[in-house]
Amino acid sequence: MTRSTQGALSFFLALAGGGALADWTTISSDKDIYSAYADRESIRRQGEMVRMQGLYDFRRQDFTPDGKGLFSTVVLREYDCGRRQVRLLSAIDFSGHMGEGAPVSTSETPRRWEAVVAGGLDELYWNVACGRK
């Protein structure tokens, strides 16, 4: 297992305990659908590369592809501050709000790098992770 994979896996496993220990800061809110939060305490920087936890808390119950109910999703993303890029490293869906309740679905497969789009939700997270605001 590579060092970066071990780091992502250990961070992912730490997330499995839920969001109770995180210090969530509101990033954005659509009062009818969701609120998005960042955990500033989870920021880990290595040069221009930053990892940070985020959370989506849904107003109404959503469902995983296999039909399990969820109210929140905690994600771990990696940000390239110099190149203005982001990728998802892992995610956990929870049965309760704010990362509480039982984990109902997990994903540990890192996604591809994507450009941070100006004015989008990823830009709000990128600003926090990269210390731009």
C-alpha atoms as a PDB file:
ATOM      1  CA  MET A   1       0.000   0.000   0.000  1.00  0.00           C
ATOM      2  CA  THR A   2       1.446   3.397  -0.956  1.00  0.00           C
ATOM      3  CA  ARG A   3       1.934   6.131   1.577  1.00  0.00           C
ATOM      4  CA  SER A   4      -0.784   8.318   0.012  1.00  0.00           C
ATOM      5  CA  THR A   5      -3.211   5.387  -0.058  1.00  0.00           C
ATOM      6  CA  GLN A   6      -2.484   4.660   3.597  1.00  0.00           C
ATOM      7  CA  GLY A   7      -3.089   8.312   4.456  1.00  0.00           C
ATOM      8  CA  ALA A   8      -6.403   8.384   2.610  1.00  0.00           C
ATOM      9  CA  LEU A   9      -7.483   5.089   4.130  1.00  0.00           C
ATOM     10  CA  SER A  10      -6.643   6.137   7.693  1.00  0.00           C
ATOM     11  CA  PHE A  11      -8.453   9.442   7.199  1.00  0.00           C
ATOM     12  CA  PHE A  12     -11.403   7.546   5.698  1.00  0.00           C
ATOM     13  CA  LEU A  13     -11.519   5.202   8.661  1.00  0.00           C
ATOM     14  CA  ALA A  14     -11.452   8.167  11.019  1.00  0.00           C
ATOM     15  CA  LEU A  15     -14.511   9.505   9.213  1.00  0.00           C
ATOM     16  CA  ALA A  16     -16.359   6.246   9.823  1.00  0.00           C
ATOM     17  CA  GLY A  17     -16.912   7.361  13.399  1.00  0.00           C
ATOM     18  CA  GLY A  18     -19.306  10.054  12.170  1.00  0.00           C
ATOM     19  CA  GLY A  19     -19.247  13.790  12.168  1.00  0.00           C
ATOM     20  CA  ALA A  20     -19.652  14.370  15.881  1.00  0.00           C
ATOM     21  CA  LEU A  21     -16.004  15.317  16.418  1.00  0.00           C
ATOM     22  CA  ALA A  22     -15.770  17.654  13.431  1.00  0.00           C
ATOM     23  CA  ASP A  23     -15.996  21.439  13.729  1.00  0.00           C
ATOM     24  CA  TRP A  24     -18.379  22.150  10.845  1.00  0.00           C
ATOM     25  CA  THR A  25     -18.411  25.624   9.253  1.00  0.00           C
ATOM     26  CA  THR A  26     -21.304  26.452   6.918  1.00  0.00           C
ATOM     27  CA  ILE A  27     -20.118  26.917   3.327  1.00  0.00           C
ATOM     28  CA  SER A  28     -23.423  27.134   1.458  1.00  0.00           C
ATOM     29  CA  SER A  29     -27.091  26.418   1.949  1.00  0.00           C
ATOM     30  CA  ASP A  30     -30.074  25.787  -0.261  1.00  0.00           C
ATOM     31  CA  LYS A  31     -32.751  25.938   2.416  1.00  0.00           C
ATOM     32  CA  ASP A  32     -34.997  23.472   0.584  1.00  0.00           C
ATOM     33  CA  ILE A  33     -32.404  20.838  -0.346  1.00  0.00           C
ATOM     34  CA  TYR A  34     -29.135  20.800   1.637  1.00  0.00           C
ATOM     35  CA  SER A  35     -26.503  22.651   3.636  1.00  0.00           C
ATOM     36  CA  ALA A  36     -22.795  22.256   2.864  1.00  0.00           C
ATOM     37  CA  TYR A  37     -20.129  22.407   5.562  1.00  0.00           C
ATOM     38  CA  ALA A  38     -16.326  22.304   5.793  1.00  0.00           C
ATOM     39  CA  ASP A  39     -14.250  21.064   8.718  1.00  0.00           C
ATOM     40  CA  ARG A  40     -11.387  23.576   8.990  1.00  0.00           C
ATOM     41  CA  GLU A  41      -9.772  21.425  11.699  1.00  0.00           C
ATOM     42  CA  SER A  42      -9.365  18.575   9.204  1.00  0.00           C
ATOM     43  CA  ILE A  43      -7.199  20.620   6.799  1.00  0.00           C
ATOM     44  CA  ARG A  44      -3.895  18.849   6.068  1.00  0.00           C
ATOM     45  CA  ARG A  45      -1.436  20.671   3.808  1.00  0.00           C
ATOM     46  CA  GLN A  46       1.601  19.388   1.912  1.00  0.00           C
ATOM     47  CA  GLY A  47       2.902  22.223  -0.234  1.00  0.00           C
ATOM     48  CA  GLU A  48       0.180  23.123  -2.739  1.00  0.00           C
ATOM     49  CA  MET A  49      -1.818  19.949  -1.949  1.00  0.00           C
ATOM     50  CA  VAL A  50      -4.524  20.116   0.733  1.00  0.00           C
ATOM     51  CA  ARG A  51      -6.976  17.550   2.093  1.00  0.00           C
ATOM     52  CA  MET A  52     -10.139  18.602   3.856  1.00  0.00           C
ATOM     53  CA  GLN A  53     -13.388  17.034   5.061  1.00  0.00           C
ATOM     54  CA  GLY A  54     -16.724  18.329   3.852  1.00  0.00           C
ATOM     55  CA  LEU A  55     -20.304  17.451   4.720  1.00  0.00           C
ATOM     56  CA  TYR A  56     -23.634  17.658   2.924  1.00  0.00           C
ATOM     57  CA  ASP A  57     -26.656  17.616   5.204  1.00  0.00           C
ATOM     58  CA  PHE A  58     -29.927  16.975   3.344  1.00  0.00           C
ATOM     59  CA  ARG A  59     -33.259  18.443   4.459  1.00  0.00           C
ATOM     60  CA  ARG A  60     -35.187  15.402   3.229  1.00  0.00           C
ATOM     61  CA  GLN A  61     -34.099  11.800   3.289  1.00  0.00           C
ATOM     62  CA  ASP A  62     -32.183  10.695   0.202  1.00  0.00           C
ATOM     63  CA  PHE A  63     -31.335   7.132  -0.776  1.00  0.00           C
ATOM     64  CA  THR A  64     -28.280   5.168  -1.867  1.00  0.00           C
ATOM     65  CA  PRO A  65     -28.488   3.290  -5.194  1.00  0.00           C
ATOM     66  CA  ASP A  66     -29.409   0.137  -3.228  1.00  0.00           C
ATOM     67  CA  GLY A  67     -32.272   1.876  -1.382  1.00  0.00           C
ATOM     68  CA  LYS A  68     -30.725   2.663   2.031  1.00  0.00           C
ATOM     69  CA  GLY A  69     -31.923   5.935   3.538  1.00  0.00           C
ATOM     70  CA  LEU A  70     -29.452   8.728   4.264  1.00  0.00           C
ATOM     71  CA  PHE A  71     -29.579  12.285   5.585  1.00  0.00           C
ATOM     72  CA  SER A  72     -25.914  13.287   5.275  1.00  0.00           C
ATOM     73  CA  THR A  73     -22.701  12.549   3.405  1.00  0.00           C
ATOM     74  CA  VAL A  74     -19.181  13.188   4.692  1.00  0.00           C
ATOM     75  CA  VAL A  75     -16.511  13.518   2.011  1.00  0.00           C
ATOM     76  CA  LEU A  76     -12.737  13.757   1.939  1.00  0.00           C
ATOM     77  CA  ARG A  77     -11.392  15.811  -0.949  1.00  0.00           C
ATOM     78  CA  GLU A  78      -7.935  16.727  -2.111  1.00  0.00           C
ATOM     79  CA  TYR A  79      -7.299  20.204  -3.494  1.00  0.00           C
ATOM     80  CA  ASP A  80      -4.436  21.336  -5.715  1.00  0.00           C
ATOM     81  CA  CYS A  81      -4.242  24.988  -4.724  1.00  0.00           C
ATOM     82  CA  GLY A  82      -1.696  25.904  -7.406  1.00  0.00           C
ATOM     83  CA  ARG A  83      -3.566  24.313 -10.299  1.00  0.00           C
ATOM     84  CA  ARG A  84      -7.075  25.086  -8.976  1.00  0.00           C
ATOM     85  CA  GLN A  85      -8.179  21.460  -9.073  1.00  0.00           C
ATOM     86  CA  VAL A  86     -10.129  19.106  -6.814  1.00  0.00           C
ATOM     87  CA  ARG A  87     -10.797  15.374  -6.543  1.00  0.00           C
ATOM     88  CA  LEU A  88     -12.926  13.237  -4.273  1.00  0.00           C
ATOM     89  CA  LEU A  89     -10.924  10.692  -2.254  1.00  0.00           C
ATOM     90  CA  SER A  90     -13.667   9.046  -0.186  1.00  0.00           C
ATOM     91  CA  ALA A  91     -17.255   9.435   0.983  1.00  0.00           C
ATOM     92  CA  ILE A  92     -19.537   7.980   3.642  1.00  0.00           C
ATOM     93  CA  ASP A  93     -23.336   8.296   3.637  1.00  0.00           C
ATOM     94  CA  PHE A  94     -24.974   8.383   7.087  1.00  0.00           C
ATOM     95  CA  SER A  95     -28.508   7.509   8.180  1.00  0.00           C
ATOM     96  CA  GLY A  96     -28.706  10.639  10.353  1.00  0.00           C
ATOM     97  CA  HIS A  97     -28.133  14.353   9.985  1.00  0.00           C
ATOM     98  CA  MET A  98     -24.672  15.947  10.309  1.00  0.00           C
ATOM     99  CA  GLY A  99     -22.705  12.706   9.943  1.00  0.00           C
ATOM    100  CA  GLU A 100     -24.575  10.993  12.766  1.00  0.00           C
ATOM    101  CA  GLY A 101     -26.274   7.618  12.775  1.00  0.00           C
ATOM    102  CA  ALA A 102     -25.135   4.461  11.034  1.00  0.00           C
ATOM    103  CA  PRO A 103     -22.917   4.498   7.944  1.00  0.00           C
ATOM    104  CA  VAL A 104     -25.102   3.175   5.101  1.00  0.00           C
ATOM    105  CA  SER A 105     -22.705   3.435   2.145  1.00  0.00           C
ATOM    106  CA  THR A 106     -18.999   4.053   1.626  1.00  0.00           C
ATOM    107  CA  SER A 107     -16.697   4.827  -1.283  1.00  0.00           C
ATOM    108  CA  GLU A 108     -12.909   4.691  -1.097  1.00  0.00           C
ATOM    109  CA  THR A 109     -12.121   5.045  -4.801  1.00  0.00           C
ATOM    110  CA  PRO A 110     -10.328   8.327  -5.564  1.00  0.00           C
ATOM    111  CA  ARG A 111     -11.878  10.145  -8.505  1.00  0.00           C
ATOM    112  CA  ARG A 112     -10.115  12.021 -11.284  1.00  0.00           C
ATOM    113  CA  TRP A 113      -8.898  15.584 -10.909  1.00  0.00           C
ATOM    114  CA  GLU A 114     -11.349  18.265 -12.056  1.00  0.00           C
ATOM    115  CA  ALA A 115     -10.997  22.015 -12.513  1.00  0.00           C
ATOM    116  CA  VAL A 116     -12.578  24.157  -9.813  1.00  0.00           C
ATOM    117  CA  VAL A 117     -15.353  26.076 -11.591  1.00  0.00           C
ATOM    118  CA  ALA A 118     -15.673  29.750 -10.690  1.00  0.00           C
ATOM    119  CA  GLY A 119     -18.875  30.452  -8.779  1.00  0.00           C
ATOM    120  CA  GLY A 120     -19.549  26.789  -7.966  1.00  0.00           C
ATOM    121  CA  LEU A 121     -19.744  24.953  -4.670  1.00  0.00           C
ATOM    122  CA  ASP A 122     -16.297  23.411  -5.237  1.00  0.00           C
ATOM    123  CA  GLU A 123     -14.855  26.928  -5.396  1.00  0.00           C
ATOM    124  CA  LEU A 124     -16.302  27.703  -1.966  1.00  0.00           C
ATOM    125  CA  TYR A 125     -14.640  24.586  -0.540  1.00  0.00           C
ATOM    126  CA  TRP A 126     -11.409  25.319  -2.461  1.00  0.00           C
ATOM    127  CA  ASN A 127     -11.309  28.836  -0.969  1.00  0.00           C
ATOM    128  CA  VAL A 128     -11.484  27.400   2.554  1.00  0.00           C
ATOM    129  CA  ALA A 129      -9.008  24.567   1.938  1.00  0.00           C
ATOM    130  CA  CYS A 130      -6.490  26.774   0.156  1.00  0.00           C
ATOM    131  CA  GLY A 131      -6.879  29.682   2.564  1.00  0.00           C
ATOM    132  CA  ARG A 132      -8.223  32.106  -0.031  1.00  0.00           C
ATOM    133  CA  LYS A 133     -10.998  33.459   2.215  1.00  0.00           C
END
